[in-house]
């Protein structure tokens, strides 16, 4: 994903969910812990 992915993840984590920062076909998604099902942040994902 590279630098553009980092920029997207930063935008998602910042709460703006600015998908314009995401590479094509990526969106902001909530990231949850598989073990506890707790949402701990937002990241850029396909």
PDB file of N, CA and C in Angstrom:
ATOM      1  N   UNK A   1       0.824  -1.198   0.000  1.00  0.00           N
ATOM      2  CA  UNK A   1       0.000   0.000   0.000  1.00  0.00           C
ATOM      3  C   UNK A   1       0.863   1.254   0.000  1.00  0.00           C
ATOM      4  N   UNK A   2       1.999   1.216   0.684  1.00  0.00           N
ATOM      5  CA  UNK A   2       2.975   2.303   0.604  1.00  0.00           C
ATOM      6  C   UNK A   2       2.540   3.590   1.267  1.00  0.00           C
ATOM      7  N   UNK A   3       3.108   4.700   0.810  1.00  0.00           N
ATOM      8  CA  UNK A   3       2.885   6.007   1.413  1.00  0.00           C
ATOM      9  C   UNK A   3       1.427   6.439   1.318  1.00  0.00           C
ATOM     10  N   UNK A   4       0.781   6.159   0.198  1.00  0.00           N
ATOM     11  CA  UNK A   4      -0.616   6.562   0.055  1.00  0.00           C
ATOM     12  C   UNK A   4      -1.497   5.809   1.044  1.00  0.00           C
ATOM     13  N   UNK A   5      -1.129   4.569   1.342  1.00  0.00           N
ATOM     14  CA  UNK A   5      -1.868   3.796   2.334  1.00  0.00           C
ATOM     15  C   UNK A   5      -1.710   4.368   3.723  1.00  0.00           C
ATOM     16  N   UNK A   6      -0.502   4.813   4.043  1.00  0.00           N
ATOM     17  CA  UNK A   6      -0.258   5.434   5.347  1.00  0.00           C
ATOM     18  C   UNK A   6      -1.067   6.713   5.481  1.00  0.00           C
ATOM     19  N   UNK A   7      -1.133   7.494   4.407  1.00  0.00           N
ATOM     20  CA  UNK A   7      -1.889   8.740   4.425  1.00  0.00           C
ATOM     21  C   UNK A   7      -3.366   8.447   4.634  1.00  0.00           C
ATOM     22  N   UNK A   8      -3.861   7.421   3.969  1.00  0.00           N
ATOM     23  CA  UNK A   8      -5.260   7.029   4.100  1.00  0.00           C
ATOM     24  C   UNK A   8      -5.551   6.563   5.513  1.00  0.00           C
ATOM     25  N   UNK A   9      -4.683   5.698   6.047  1.00  0.00           N
ATOM     26  CA  UNK A   9      -4.882   5.188   7.402  1.00  0.00           C
ATOM     27  C   UNK A   9      -4.856   6.334   8.403  1.00  0.00           C
ATOM     28  N   UNK A  10      -3.987   7.303   8.194  1.00  0.00           N
ATOM     29  CA  UNK A  10      -3.928   8.467   9.076  1.00  0.00           C
ATOM     30  C   UNK A  10      -5.235   9.256   9.005  1.00  0.00           C
ATOM     31  N   UNK A  11      -5.773   9.415   7.800  1.00  0.00           N
ATOM     32  CA  UNK A  11      -7.042  10.129   7.632  1.00  0.00           C
ATOM     33  C   UNK A  11      -8.170   9.370   8.313  1.00  0.00           C
ATOM     34  N   UNK A  12      -8.166   8.049   8.175  1.00  0.00           N
ATOM     35  CA  UNK A  12      -9.194   7.226   8.816  1.00  0.00           C
ATOM     36  C   UNK A  12      -9.076   7.304  10.325  1.00  0.00           C
ATOM     37  N   UNK A  13      -7.846   7.180  10.825  1.00  0.00           N
ATOM     38  CA  UNK A  13      -7.602   7.177  12.262  1.00  0.00           C
ATOM     39  C   UNK A  13      -7.928   8.527  12.871  1.00  0.00           C
ATOM     40  N   UNK A  14      -7.786   9.581  12.060  1.00  0.00           N
ATOM     41  CA  UNK A  14      -8.066  10.922  12.548  1.00  0.00           C
ATOM     42  C   UNK A  14      -9.557  11.190  12.693  1.00  0.00           C
ATOM     43  N   UNK A  15     -10.369  10.237  12.253  1.00  0.00           N
ATOM     44  CA  UNK A  15     -11.810  10.375  12.425  1.00  0.00           C
ATOM     45  C   UNK A  15     -12.509  11.044  11.254  1.00  0.00           C
ATOM     46  N   UNK A  16     -11.722  11.508  10.271  1.00  0.00           N
ATOM     47  CA  UNK A  16     -12.340  12.195   9.146  1.00  0.00           C
ATOM     48  C   UNK A  16     -12.875  11.207   8.120  1.00  0.00           C
ATOM     49  N   UNK A  17     -12.330   9.989   8.111  1.00  0.00           N
ATOM     50  CA  UNK A  17     -12.699   8.974   7.123  1.00  0.00           C
ATOM     51  C   UNK A  17     -12.627   9.547   5.715  1.00  0.00           C
ATOM     52  N   UNK A  18     -11.549  10.234   5.449  1.00  0.00           N
ATOM     53  CA  UNK A  18     -11.361  10.903   4.159  1.00  0.00           C
ATOM     54  C   UNK A  18     -10.907   9.893   3.121  1.00  0.00           C
ATOM     55  N   UNK A  19     -11.856   9.305   2.399  1.00  0.00           N
ATOM     56  CA  UNK A  19     -11.517   8.264   1.440  1.00  0.00           C
ATOM     57  C   UNK A  19     -10.780   8.813   0.226  1.00  0.00           C
ATOM     58  N   UNK A  20     -10.759  10.132   0.055  1.00  0.00           N
ATOM     59  CA  UNK A  20     -10.003  10.701  -1.068  1.00  0.00           C
ATOM     60  C   UNK A  20      -8.506  10.484  -0.879  1.00  0.00           C
ATOM     61  N   UNK A  21      -8.085  10.217   0.363  1.00  0.00           N
ATOM     62  CA  UNK A  21      -6.675   9.944   0.641  1.00  0.00           C
ATOM     63  C   UNK A  21      -6.332   8.488   0.371  1.00  0.00           C
ATOM     64  N   UNK A  22      -7.347   7.659   0.152  1.00  0.00           N
ATOM     65  CA  UNK A  22      -7.127   6.234  -0.040  1.00  0.00           C
ATOM     66  C   UNK A  22      -6.742   5.922  -1.482  1.00  0.00           C
ATOM     67  N   UNK A  23      -5.916   4.895  -1.677  1.00  0.00           N
ATOM     68  CA  UNK A  23      -5.663   4.413  -3.034  1.00  0.00           C
ATOM     69  C   UNK A  23      -6.969   3.898  -3.640  1.00  0.00           C
ATOM     70  N   UNK A  24      -7.032   3.777  -4.930  1.00  0.00           N
ATOM     71  CA  UNK A  24      -8.230   3.303  -5.610  1.00  0.00           C
ATOM     72  C   UNK A  24      -8.707   1.986  -5.024  1.00  0.00           C
ATOM     73  N   UNK A  25      -9.989   1.887  -4.806  1.00  0.00           N
ATOM     74  CA  UNK A  25     -10.690   0.708  -4.295  1.00  0.00           C
ATOM     75  C   UNK A  25     -10.454   0.446  -2.810  1.00  0.00           C
ATOM     76  N   UNK A  26      -9.790   1.355  -2.113  1.00  0.00           N
ATOM     77  CA  UNK A  26      -9.625   1.227  -0.667  1.00  0.00           C
ATOM     78  C   UNK A  26     -10.622   2.143   0.034  1.00  0.00           C
ATOM     79  N   UNK A  27     -11.075   1.725   1.196  1.00  0.00           N
ATOM     80  CA  UNK A  27     -11.971   2.547   2.000  1.00  0.00           C
ATOM     81  C   UNK A  27     -11.536   2.472   3.458  1.00  0.00           C
ATOM     82  N   UNK A  28     -12.097   3.366   4.280  1.00  0.00           N
ATOM     83  CA  UNK A  28     -11.828   3.335   5.711  1.00  0.00           C
ATOM     84  C   UNK A  28     -12.687   2.250   6.335  1.00  0.00           C
ATOM     85  N   UNK A  29     -12.068   1.386   7.121  1.00  0.00           N
ATOM     86  CA  UNK A  29     -12.818   0.332   7.798  1.00  0.00           C
ATOM     87  C   UNK A  29     -12.405   0.296   9.261  1.00  0.00           C
ATOM     88  N   UNK A  30     -13.337  -0.079  10.104  1.00  0.00           N
ATOM     89  CA  UNK A  30     -13.028  -0.248  11.519  1.00  0.00           C
ATOM     90  C   UNK A  30     -12.151  -1.483  11.668  1.00  0.00           C
ATOM     91  N   UNK A  31     -11.139  -1.383  12.510  1.00  0.00           N
ATOM     92  CA  UNK A  31     -10.244  -2.505  12.764  1.00  0.00           C
ATOM     93  C   UNK A  31     -10.545  -3.038  14.164  1.00  0.00           C
ATOM     94  N   UNK A  32     -10.846  -4.313  14.242  1.00  0.00           N
ATOM     95  CA  UNK A  32     -11.198  -4.915  15.524  1.00  0.00           C
ATOM     96  C   UNK A  32     -10.210  -6.000  15.899  1.00  0.00           C
ATOM     97  N   UNK A  33     -10.071  -6.202  17.179  1.00  0.00           N
ATOM     98  CA  UNK A  33      -9.240  -7.289  17.670  1.00  0.00           C
ATOM     99  C   UNK A  33      -9.990  -8.600  17.486  1.00  0.00           C
ATOM    100  N   UNK A  34      -9.354  -9.564  16.868  1.00  0.00           N
ATOM    101  CA  UNK A  34     -10.005 -10.849  16.620  1.00  0.00           C
ATOM    102  C   UNK A  34     -10.289 -11.585  17.925  1.00  0.00           C
ATOM    103  N   UNK A  35      -9.437 -11.394  18.910  1.00  0.00           N
ATOM    104  CA  UNK A  35      -9.594 -12.137  20.158  1.00  0.00           C
ATOM    105  C   UNK A  35     -10.687 -11.564  21.058  1.00  0.00           C
ATOM    106  N   UNK A  36     -10.840 -10.238  21.058  1.00  0.00           N
ATOM    107  CA  UNK A  36     -11.805  -9.636  21.978  1.00  0.00           C
ATOM    108  C   UNK A  36     -12.966  -8.946  21.268  1.00  0.00           C
ATOM    109  N   UNK A  37     -12.898  -8.842  19.939  1.00  0.00           N
ATOM    110  CA  UNK A  37     -13.928  -8.171  19.144  1.00  0.00           C
ATOM    111  C   UNK A  37     -14.079  -6.694  19.505  1.00  0.00           C
ATOM    112  N   UNK A  38     -13.050  -6.116  20.082  1.00  0.00           N
ATOM    113  CA  UNK A  38     -13.073  -4.695  20.438  1.00  0.00           C
ATOM    114  C   UNK A  38     -12.548  -3.889  19.256  1.00  0.00           C
ATOM    115  N   UNK A  39     -13.291  -2.863  18.856  1.00  0.00           N
ATOM    116  CA  UNK A  39     -12.815  -2.001  17.780  1.00  0.00           C
ATOM    117  C   UNK A  39     -11.779  -1.051  18.367  1.00  0.00           C
ATOM    118  N   UNK A  40     -10.568  -1.082  17.807  1.00  0.00           N
ATOM    119  CA  UNK A  40      -9.512  -0.256  18.394  1.00  0.00           C
ATOM    120  C   UNK A  40      -8.995   0.810  17.453  1.00  0.00           C
ATOM    121  N   UNK A  41      -9.564   0.922  16.277  1.00  0.00           N
ATOM    122  CA  UNK A  41      -9.105   1.975  15.393  1.00  0.00           C
ATOM    123  C   UNK A  41      -9.710   1.831  14.010  1.00  0.00           C
ATOM    124  N   UNK A  42      -9.284   2.720  13.126  1.00  0.00           N
ATOM    125  CA  UNK A  42      -9.741   2.658  11.744  1.00  0.00           C
ATOM    126  C   UNK A  42      -8.522   2.614  10.849  1.00  0.00           C
ATOM    127  N   UNK A  43      -8.633   1.894   9.776  1.00  0.00           N
ATOM    128  CA  UNK A  43      -7.515   1.772   8.865  1.00  0.00           C
ATOM    129  C   UNK A  43      -8.028   1.689   7.441  1.00  0.00           C
ATOM    130  N   UNK A  44      -7.118   1.806   6.522  1.00  0.00           N
ATOM    131  CA  UNK A  44      -7.445   1.711   5.122  1.00  0.00           C
ATOM    132  C   UNK A  44      -7.424   0.243   4.714  1.00  0.00           C
ATOM    133  N   UNK A  45      -8.470  -0.211   4.072  1.00  0.00           N
ATOM    134  CA  UNK A  45      -8.538  -1.604   3.663  1.00  0.00           C
ATOM    135  C   UNK A  45      -9.326  -1.737   2.371  1.00  0.00           C
ATOM    136  N   UNK A  46      -9.108  -2.841   1.685  1.00  0.00           N
ATOM    137  CA  UNK A  46      -9.846  -3.105   0.449  1.00  0.00           C
ATOM    138  C   UNK A  46     -11.200  -3.650   0.787  1.00  0.00           C
TER     139      UNK A  46
END
